[in-house]
Amino acid sequence: MPYVKARRALGVVLLAAALALPATSVAHAEECKPDDQACLDKEANAKEAKEIEEKQKKNDEAAAKADKDIKAAGEKLKECPPGSSSCMGKLTGGKGADEEQGLKDMTETISTNKPEPGNNAAEAVTSTCASFPGSLPQGSTDPGQSPFPVDQLCSLLGS
């Protein structure tokens, strides 16, 4: 509640500042001359005041909605006796409903995960020896340039 009060106080200050600005109609037919700084300032102030007023209106609407939501939550809490976890569970959509759904989703993801290649080491070695050298930086596969030549690695792997 202190947050809402602070927002309202800020809104009142902004509105008072906006109303204290010189009142000029943006819609009037007379336009400012390019060298008339006072007139240009008045138009800019009027435009800013209008923007501030619109923002204040939006803030007031949001504050009113937040007040309603807080009051509704307070009413729901009054329905539950202190310490009643079953009642609180009903208010929040069940005890750990989101956590249980997340656990189900993760279990399903893990159980359907099939790492490739499955039970075929020869295929893994062959594909590694065929594609791995191409992923290395230029020159690292040249004989004498690599600290551990790729052909030596592949021979150790049995390919």
Foldseek 3Di string as FASTA:
>chain_A
DVVLVVLVVVLVVLLVVLVPQDDDDPPDPDDDDPVPVVRVVSNVSPVVSVVSVVVSVVSVVVSVVVVVVVVVVVVLVVVDDPPPVVSVQVVVVHDCPVVVVVVVVVVVVVVPDDDPPDPDLVVVLVVCLVCVVVPDDPPCQDPPRHPQHSVNVSVVSPD
